[in-house]
Amino acid sequence: MDNIFTERLWGSVKYEDVCLKDYASVSEAKAGTGAYMEFYNHRQKHQVLGYKTPAEIYYRGR
């Protein structure tokens, strides 16, 4: 169970970003994946989080 969140995250990265784009270089892949992570954490609402972003949940408690 401790690995499930990591597996879900990288599954999303793989299927929603990497598999959809044909990155031509490692630097392009780093930039594209970084942009996706920004979207995933700050703009994409998650059903399991009550339609909030991970950033909203994380920074609420700080």
Protein backbone atom coordinates (compact mmCIF):
# COMPACT_ATOMS: atom_id res chain seq x y z
CA MET A 1 0.00 0.00 0.00
CA ASP A 2 2.86 2.42 0.63
CA ASN A 3 3.74 2.47 -3.08
CA ILE A 4 0.25 2.95 -4.49
CA PHE A 5 0.33 6.77 -4.60
CA THR A 6 3.65 6.80 -6.42
CA GLU A 7 2.47 4.19 -8.90
CA ARG A 8 -0.72 6.16 -9.60
CA LEU A 9 1.22 9.40 -10.11
CA TRP A 10 3.73 7.89 -12.54
CA GLY A 11 0.93 6.06 -14.34
CA SER A 12 -0.74 9.42 -14.91
CA VAL A 13 2.52 10.98 -16.08
CA LYS A 14 3.11 8.09 -18.44
CA TYR A 15 -0.34 7.91 -20.02
CA GLU A 16 -1.33 11.60 -19.93
CA ASP A 17 2.01 13.09 -20.97
CA VAL A 18 4.86 10.85 -22.10
CA CYS A 19 2.83 8.47 -24.29
CA LEU A 20 0.95 11.34 -25.95
CA LYS A 21 4.04 13.32 -26.87
CA ASP A 22 7.01 12.26 -28.91
CA TYR A 23 9.84 13.95 -27.06
CA ALA A 24 12.86 14.36 -29.32
CA SER A 25 15.46 14.77 -26.57
CA VAL A 26 16.03 14.31 -22.86
CA SER A 27 15.95 18.07 -22.25
CA GLU A 28 12.61 18.31 -24.10
CA ALA A 29 11.24 15.44 -22.02
CA LYS A 30 12.39 17.10 -18.77
CA ALA A 31 10.73 20.38 -19.72
CA GLY A 32 7.53 18.68 -20.87
CA THR A 33 7.28 16.47 -17.81
CA GLY A 34 7.98 19.45 -15.56
CA ALA A 35 5.14 21.36 -17.21
CA TYR A 36 2.85 18.36 -16.76
CA MET A 37 3.75 18.12 -13.05
CA GLU A 38 2.94 21.82 -12.64
CA PHE A 39 -0.47 21.17 -14.24
CA TYR A 40 -1.06 17.99 -12.20
CA ASN A 41 -0.29 19.65 -8.86
CA HIS A 42 -1.67 23.16 -9.32
CA ARG A 43 -4.45 23.11 -11.95
CA GLN A 44 -5.91 19.60 -12.32
CA LYS A 45 -8.77 18.94 -9.91
CA HIS A 46 -8.76 15.43 -8.41
CA GLN A 47 -11.99 13.62 -7.58
CA VAL A 48 -10.43 11.77 -4.65
CA LEU A 49 -9.40 15.14 -3.13
CA GLY A 50 -12.92 16.54 -3.28
CA TYR A 51 -12.22 18.26 -6.61
CA LYS A 52 -9.30 20.21 -5.20
CA THR A 53 -5.74 20.24 -6.48
CA PRO A 54 -2.92 18.52 -4.59
CA ALA A 55 -1.40 21.95 -3.95
CA GLU A 56 -4.64 23.20 -2.35
CA ILE A 57 -4.65 20.22 0.02
CA TYR A 58 -0.93 20.40 0.79
CA TYR A 59 -0.66 24.14 1.42
CA ARG A 60 -3.93 24.36 3.35
CA GLY A 61 -2.31 22.65 6.33
CA ARG A 62 0.76 24.90 6.39
